C-alpha cells in the first residue's frame, strides 16, 4: 500500500502508521487526514493486526493543522466535519488498541490525535502544547471532550486556555501518558510495549474499549446490563478458555485473538 504523507508497515501483529512530513513537523493536510483514516481502516480489517501504533517522523509527533491550508474563507466547522472527525471516529470505533508513540512535540490537533488513542507513550524530550488559543480558536478534534475525562475539569480548563507546554514528566503525573521513554531506548521500548498490547486477548480488549466509552454517559443499570452482555461474549472466546487453562497449569497464557 502506497501513501504520500504517511508510512504504513506491519510487523509482529503491529501496524505502525508514521506521519511523514518531517520538514513541516508532520502538520496535517487534507491528504494526510484521509491517508491516516484509510490506514486505520486497513489495519482494522487486517486479521493479522492486533495493535496499531501512531507516531511521527523526524523531531515532531504532529504540530497540528498546516496553517498554509487555512485562510479567511475557511469554514472551520465544515473543515472539522469533513477532515478531522472521520479520522478521529475511526480511532474510537476500531476494536483494536491504538497507541500514540509521541516521539516529539504534539501541538494543537496533534495533541488531540494523541488524546484520541487508547494508550500514550512519550519520548522524554517531547512535549504537549495546546496551541489553539494562540490563534484565537477553540481546542478541537475531540480535545474538550477527552481532556476533562483524563485530568478533570479544572486542570483541563487550565491546559486548554493557558497554553503552557506540558513536558513528559508532568504529563505522566497528570495521567496523560502511560510511559516515558528515553531517547536511547525509544525504538525498542515502543516495539516492546506495542507487542505486549498485541498479545492481549483481542476480544476482551475491544469490549472493554467499547463499553468503557459508553459508561461515560449511561445510567448505572443500563451499563450493568451491557456489562453482562460483554462478559457473555468474552466468556465464549478461545482466549478465555486459554486463560483459564493457563491459570490451572500455572503458565503464561498464549492468546490468539479469538
Protein backbone atom coordinates (compact mmCIF):
# COMPACT_ATOMS: atom_id res chain seq x y z
CA UNK A 1 0.00 0.00 0.00
CA UNK A 2 1.46 3.34 -1.11
CA UNK A 3 0.86 6.61 0.75
CA UNK A 4 2.39 10.05 0.18
CA UNK A 5 2.10 11.71 3.60
CA UNK A 6 2.38 8.72 5.92
CA UNK A 7 4.26 5.43 6.15
CA UNK A 8 2.45 2.15 6.82
CA UNK A 9 4.23 -1.00 7.94
CA UNK A 10 3.22 -4.21 9.67
CA UNK A 11 5.35 -6.44 11.90
CA UNK A 12 4.65 -8.98 14.65
CA UNK A 13 0.94 -8.21 14.75
CA UNK A 14 1.51 -4.45 14.99
CA UNK A 15 0.57 -1.93 12.29
CA UNK A 16 2.67 1.23 12.52
CA UNK A 17 1.35 4.44 10.96
CA UNK A 18 4.02 7.14 10.79
CA UNK A 19 3.10 10.72 9.95
CA UNK A 20 5.71 11.56 7.36
CA UNK A 21 6.02 15.28 6.70
CA UNK A 22 9.08 15.88 8.88
CA UNK A 23 10.07 19.22 7.29
CA UNK A 24 6.61 20.53 8.26
CA UNK A 25 6.75 18.88 11.71
CA UNK A 26 4.13 16.40 10.44
CA UNK A 27 1.44 19.07 10.23
CA UNK A 28 -1.92 17.87 8.98
CA UNK A 29 -3.05 18.38 5.42
CA UNK A 30 -6.30 17.20 3.88
CA UNK A 31 -4.41 14.36 2.21
CA UNK A 32 -2.78 13.30 5.48
CA UNK A 33 -6.15 13.24 7.26
CA UNK A 34 -7.53 10.99 4.52
CA UNK A 35 -4.49 8.72 4.46
CA UNK A 36 -4.44 8.24 8.24
CA UNK A 37 -8.12 7.28 8.12
CA UNK A 38 -7.51 4.84 5.27
CA UNK A 39 -4.54 3.27 7.05
CA UNK A 40 -6.55 2.87 10.26
CA UNK A 41 -9.36 1.13 8.37
CA UNK A 42 -6.85 -1.12 6.61
CA UNK A 43 -5.33 -2.15 9.94
CA UNK A 44 -8.77 -2.69 11.45
CA UNK A 45 -9.79 -5.07 8.65
CA UNK A 46 -6.49 -6.99 8.70
CA UNK A 47 -6.89 -10.06 10.93
CA UNK A 48 -3.12 -10.28 11.38
CA UNK A 49 -3.04 -6.84 13.02
CA UNK A 50 -3.68 -6.93 16.77
CA UNK A 51 -2.45 -3.42 17.65
CA UNK A 52 -1.97 -0.05 15.89
CA UNK A 53 0.78 2.49 16.60
CA UNK A 54 0.59 6.14 15.53
CA UNK A 55 3.86 8.09 15.57
CA UNK A 56 5.74 10.82 13.71
CA UNK A 57 8.92 11.01 11.66
CA UNK A 58 11.69 13.45 12.49
CA UNK A 59 11.56 15.73 15.52
CA UNK A 60 7.78 16.08 15.96
CA UNK A 61 4.80 13.83 16.57
CA UNK A 62 2.41 16.28 14.92
CA UNK A 63 2.32 20.08 15.05
CA UNK A 64 -1.40 20.29 14.27
CA UNK A 65 -3.03 21.75 11.20
CA UNK A 66 -0.78 23.07 8.45
CA UNK A 67 -1.88 26.72 8.54
CA UNK A 68 -0.91 27.15 4.91
CA UNK A 69 -4.19 25.40 4.18
CA UNK A 70 -6.29 27.85 6.23
CA UNK A 71 -7.35 31.40 5.31
CA UNK A 72 -10.18 33.89 5.88
CA UNK A 73 -12.51 31.87 3.63
CA UNK A 74 -12.16 28.67 5.67
CA UNK A 75 -15.37 27.32 7.21
CA UNK A 76 -13.88 25.80 10.33
CA UNK A 77 -16.97 23.74 11.14
CA UNK A 78 -17.01 22.04 7.74
CA UNK A 79 -13.23 21.72 7.95
CA UNK A 80 -13.58 19.61 11.10
CA UNK A 81 -16.59 17.60 9.97
CA UNK A 82 -15.06 16.64 6.63
CA UNK A 83 -11.41 16.11 7.56
CA UNK A 84 -10.82 15.53 11.26
CA UNK A 85 -13.98 13.95 12.62
CA UNK A 86 -13.92 10.90 10.30
CA UNK A 87 -10.28 10.19 11.25
CA UNK A 88 -10.96 10.53 14.99
CA UNK A 89 -14.13 8.43 14.86
CA UNK A 90 -12.18 5.67 13.15
CA UNK A 91 -9.74 5.58 16.09
CA UNK A 92 -12.59 5.32 18.58
CA UNK A 93 -14.55 2.79 16.54
CA UNK A 94 -11.74 0.37 15.79
CA UNK A 95 -11.89 -2.54 18.24
CA UNK A 96 -8.11 -2.74 18.18
CA UNK A 97 -5.79 -0.98 20.65
CA UNK A 98 -4.33 2.26 19.29
CA UNK A 99 -1.08 3.59 20.78
CA UNK A 100 0.24 7.11 20.30
CA UNK A 101 4.04 6.95 20.34
CA UNK A 102 4.71 10.64 20.99
CA UNK A 103 8.24 10.96 19.65
CA UNK A 104 8.30 14.77 19.77
CA UNK A 105 6.06 17.82 20.11
CA UNK A 106 2.33 17.15 19.84
CA UNK A 107 0.61 20.50 19.36
CA UNK A 108 -2.93 21.62 18.56
CA UNK A 109 -4.80 18.91 16.69
CA UNK A 110 -1.68 16.75 17.02
CA UNK A 111 -2.23 16.80 20.78
CA UNK A 112 -5.88 15.91 20.16
CA UNK A 113 -4.80 12.99 17.97
CA UNK A 114 -2.64 11.65 20.80
CA UNK A 115 -5.55 12.00 23.26
CA UNK A 116 -7.86 10.06 20.93
CA UNK A 117 -5.62 7.00 21.17
CA UNK A 118 -6.06 4.31 23.82
CA UNK A 119 -2.51 4.49 25.17
CA UNK A 120 0.22 7.12 25.01
CA UNK A 121 3.97 6.54 25.25
CA UNK A 122 6.03 9.73 25.38
CA UNK A 123 9.64 10.46 24.49
CA UNK A 124 11.44 12.01 27.43
CA UNK A 125 12.17 15.17 25.42
CA UNK A 126 8.69 15.50 23.90
CA UNK A 127 6.04 17.97 24.98
CA UNK A 128 2.31 18.58 24.60
CA UNK A 129 1.14 22.04 23.56
CA UNK A 130 -2.44 23.29 23.30
CA UNK A 131 -1.78 25.94 20.67
CA UNK A 132 -5.36 26.84 19.76
CA UNK A 133 -5.69 29.96 21.94
CA UNK A 134 -2.56 31.38 20.34
CA UNK A 135 -4.53 31.85 17.12
CA UNK A 136 -7.88 32.65 18.72
CA UNK A 137 -9.50 29.26 18.24
CA UNK A 138 -11.26 26.72 20.44
CA UNK A 139 -9.39 23.44 21.05
CA UNK A 140 -10.93 20.96 18.65
CA UNK A 141 -10.66 17.42 17.27
CA UNK A 142 -12.19 15.97 20.44
CA UNK A 143 -9.81 17.88 22.75
CA UNK A 144 -12.51 19.36 25.01
CA UNK A 145 -14.33 16.02 25.25
CA UNK A 146 -11.41 13.80 26.14
CA UNK A 147 -9.15 16.03 28.26
CA UNK A 148 -11.60 16.64 31.18
CA UNK A 149 -12.14 12.88 31.34
CA UNK A 150 -8.41 12.37 31.70
CA UNK A 151 -7.45 15.11 34.16
CA UNK A 152 -10.68 16.67 35.50
CA UNK A 153 -12.40 19.96 34.64
CA UNK A 154 -10.14 22.44 36.42
CA UNK A 155 -6.85 21.14 35.05
CA UNK A 156 -8.35 20.65 31.58
CA UNK A 157 -9.50 24.27 31.50
CA UNK A 158 -6.03 25.41 32.54
CA UNK A 159 -4.36 23.33 29.81
CA UNK A 160 -6.85 24.42 27.15
CA UNK A 161 -6.65 28.15 27.83
CA UNK A 162 -3.20 28.97 29.18
CA UNK A 163 -1.25 27.08 26.52
CA UNK A 164 1.65 26.18 28.79
CA UNK A 165 3.71 23.33 27.28
CA UNK A 166 3.46 20.07 29.20
CA UNK A 167 6.72 18.18 29.45
CA UNK A 168 6.91 14.41 29.72
CA UNK A 169 7.25 14.17 33.50
CA UNK A 170 4.24 16.42 34.12
CA UNK A 171 2.22 14.51 31.52
CA UNK A 172 2.99 11.29 33.39
CA UNK A 173 2.00 12.82 36.73
CA UNK A 174 -1.30 14.00 35.24
CA UNK A 175 -2.07 10.55 33.86
CA UNK A 176 -1.89 11.72 30.26
CA UNK A 177 0.74 9.18 29.26
CA UNK A 178 1.37 5.55 30.19
CA UNK A 179 5.16 5.53 29.97
CA UNK A 180 8.09 7.90 29.43
CA UNK A 181 10.94 6.52 27.34
CA UNK A 182 14.46 7.88 26.91
CA UNK A 183 15.98 8.57 23.50
CA UNK A 184 18.35 5.60 23.79
CA UNK A 185 15.52 3.15 24.47
CA UNK A 186 12.83 4.69 22.27
CA UNK A 187 12.55 2.30 19.30
CA UNK A 188 12.98 -0.87 21.35
CA UNK A 189 10.60 0.31 24.09
CA UNK A 190 7.85 1.28 21.65
CA UNK A 191 8.09 -2.09 19.88
CA UNK A 192 8.07 -3.95 23.20
CA UNK A 193 5.04 -2.06 24.51
CA UNK A 194 3.10 -2.49 21.25
CA UNK A 195 3.87 -6.20 21.01
CA UNK A 196 2.76 -6.63 24.62
CA UNK A 197 -0.56 -4.95 23.84
CA UNK A 198 -0.89 -7.02 20.66
CA UNK A 199 -0.63 -10.19 22.76
CA UNK A 200 -3.60 -9.30 24.95
CA UNK A 201 -6.91 -11.14 24.40
CA UNK A 202 -8.27 -9.16 21.46
CA UNK A 203 -12.00 -9.61 22.01
CA UNK A 204 -11.82 -8.74 25.70
CA UNK A 205 -9.91 -5.56 24.90
CA UNK A 206 -12.39 -4.49 22.23
CA UNK A 207 -15.30 -4.99 24.64
CA UNK A 208 -13.57 -3.01 27.39
CA UNK A 209 -12.81 -0.16 24.98
CA UNK A 210 -16.36 -0.05 23.64
CA UNK A 211 -18.24 -0.25 26.91
CA UNK A 212 -15.93 1.95 28.95
CA UNK A 213 -16.69 4.73 26.48
CA UNK A 214 -20.42 4.00 26.87
CA UNK A 215 -20.14 4.15 30.65
CA UNK A 216 -19.25 7.85 30.48
CA UNK A 217 -22.80 8.82 29.55
CA UNK A 218 -25.14 5.99 30.55
CA UNK A 219 -27.00 5.28 33.76
CA UNK A 220 -25.73 2.58 36.08
CA UNK A 221 -28.43 -0.03 35.44
CA UNK A 222 -28.14 0.27 31.66
CA UNK A 223 -24.40 -0.15 31.92
CA UNK A 224 -24.68 -3.22 34.18
CA UNK A 225 -26.80 -4.92 31.53
CA UNK A 226 -24.21 -4.11 28.87
CA UNK A 227 -21.51 -5.42 31.18
CA UNK A 228 -23.33 -8.75 31.46
CA UNK A 229 -23.69 -8.93 27.68
CA UNK A 230 -19.98 -8.17 27.17
CA UNK A 231 -18.94 -10.79 29.68
CA UNK A 232 -21.08 -13.39 27.92
CA UNK A 233 -19.28 -12.67 24.64
CA UNK A 234 -15.86 -12.76 26.27
CA UNK A 235 -16.70 -15.98 28.07
CA UNK A 236 -17.25 -17.75 24.75
CA UNK A 237 -13.83 -16.89 23.30
CA UNK A 238 -10.88 -19.23 22.83
CA UNK A 239 -8.76 -16.71 24.69
CA UNK A 240 -10.91 -17.09 27.80
CA UNK A 241 -10.52 -20.87 27.69
CA UNK A 242 -6.77 -20.48 27.16
CA UNK A 243 -6.53 -18.05 30.07
CA UNK A 244 -8.37 -20.46 32.36
CA UNK A 245 -6.19 -23.38 31.27
CA UNK A 246 -3.01 -21.37 31.73
CA UNK A 247 -4.12 -20.39 35.23
CA UNK A 248 -4.68 -24.04 36.16
CA UNK A 249 -1.34 -25.06 34.65
CA UNK A 250 0.48 -22.09 36.24
CA UNK A 251 1.90 -20.81 32.94
CA UNK A 252 1.70 -17.70 30.81
CA UNK A 253 -1.35 -17.74 28.51
CA UNK A 254 -0.88 -17.77 24.74
CA UNK A 255 -3.73 -15.63 23.44
CA UNK A 256 -4.60 -15.88 19.74
CA UNK A 257 -7.24 -13.15 19.43
CA UNK A 258 -10.25 -15.45 19.01
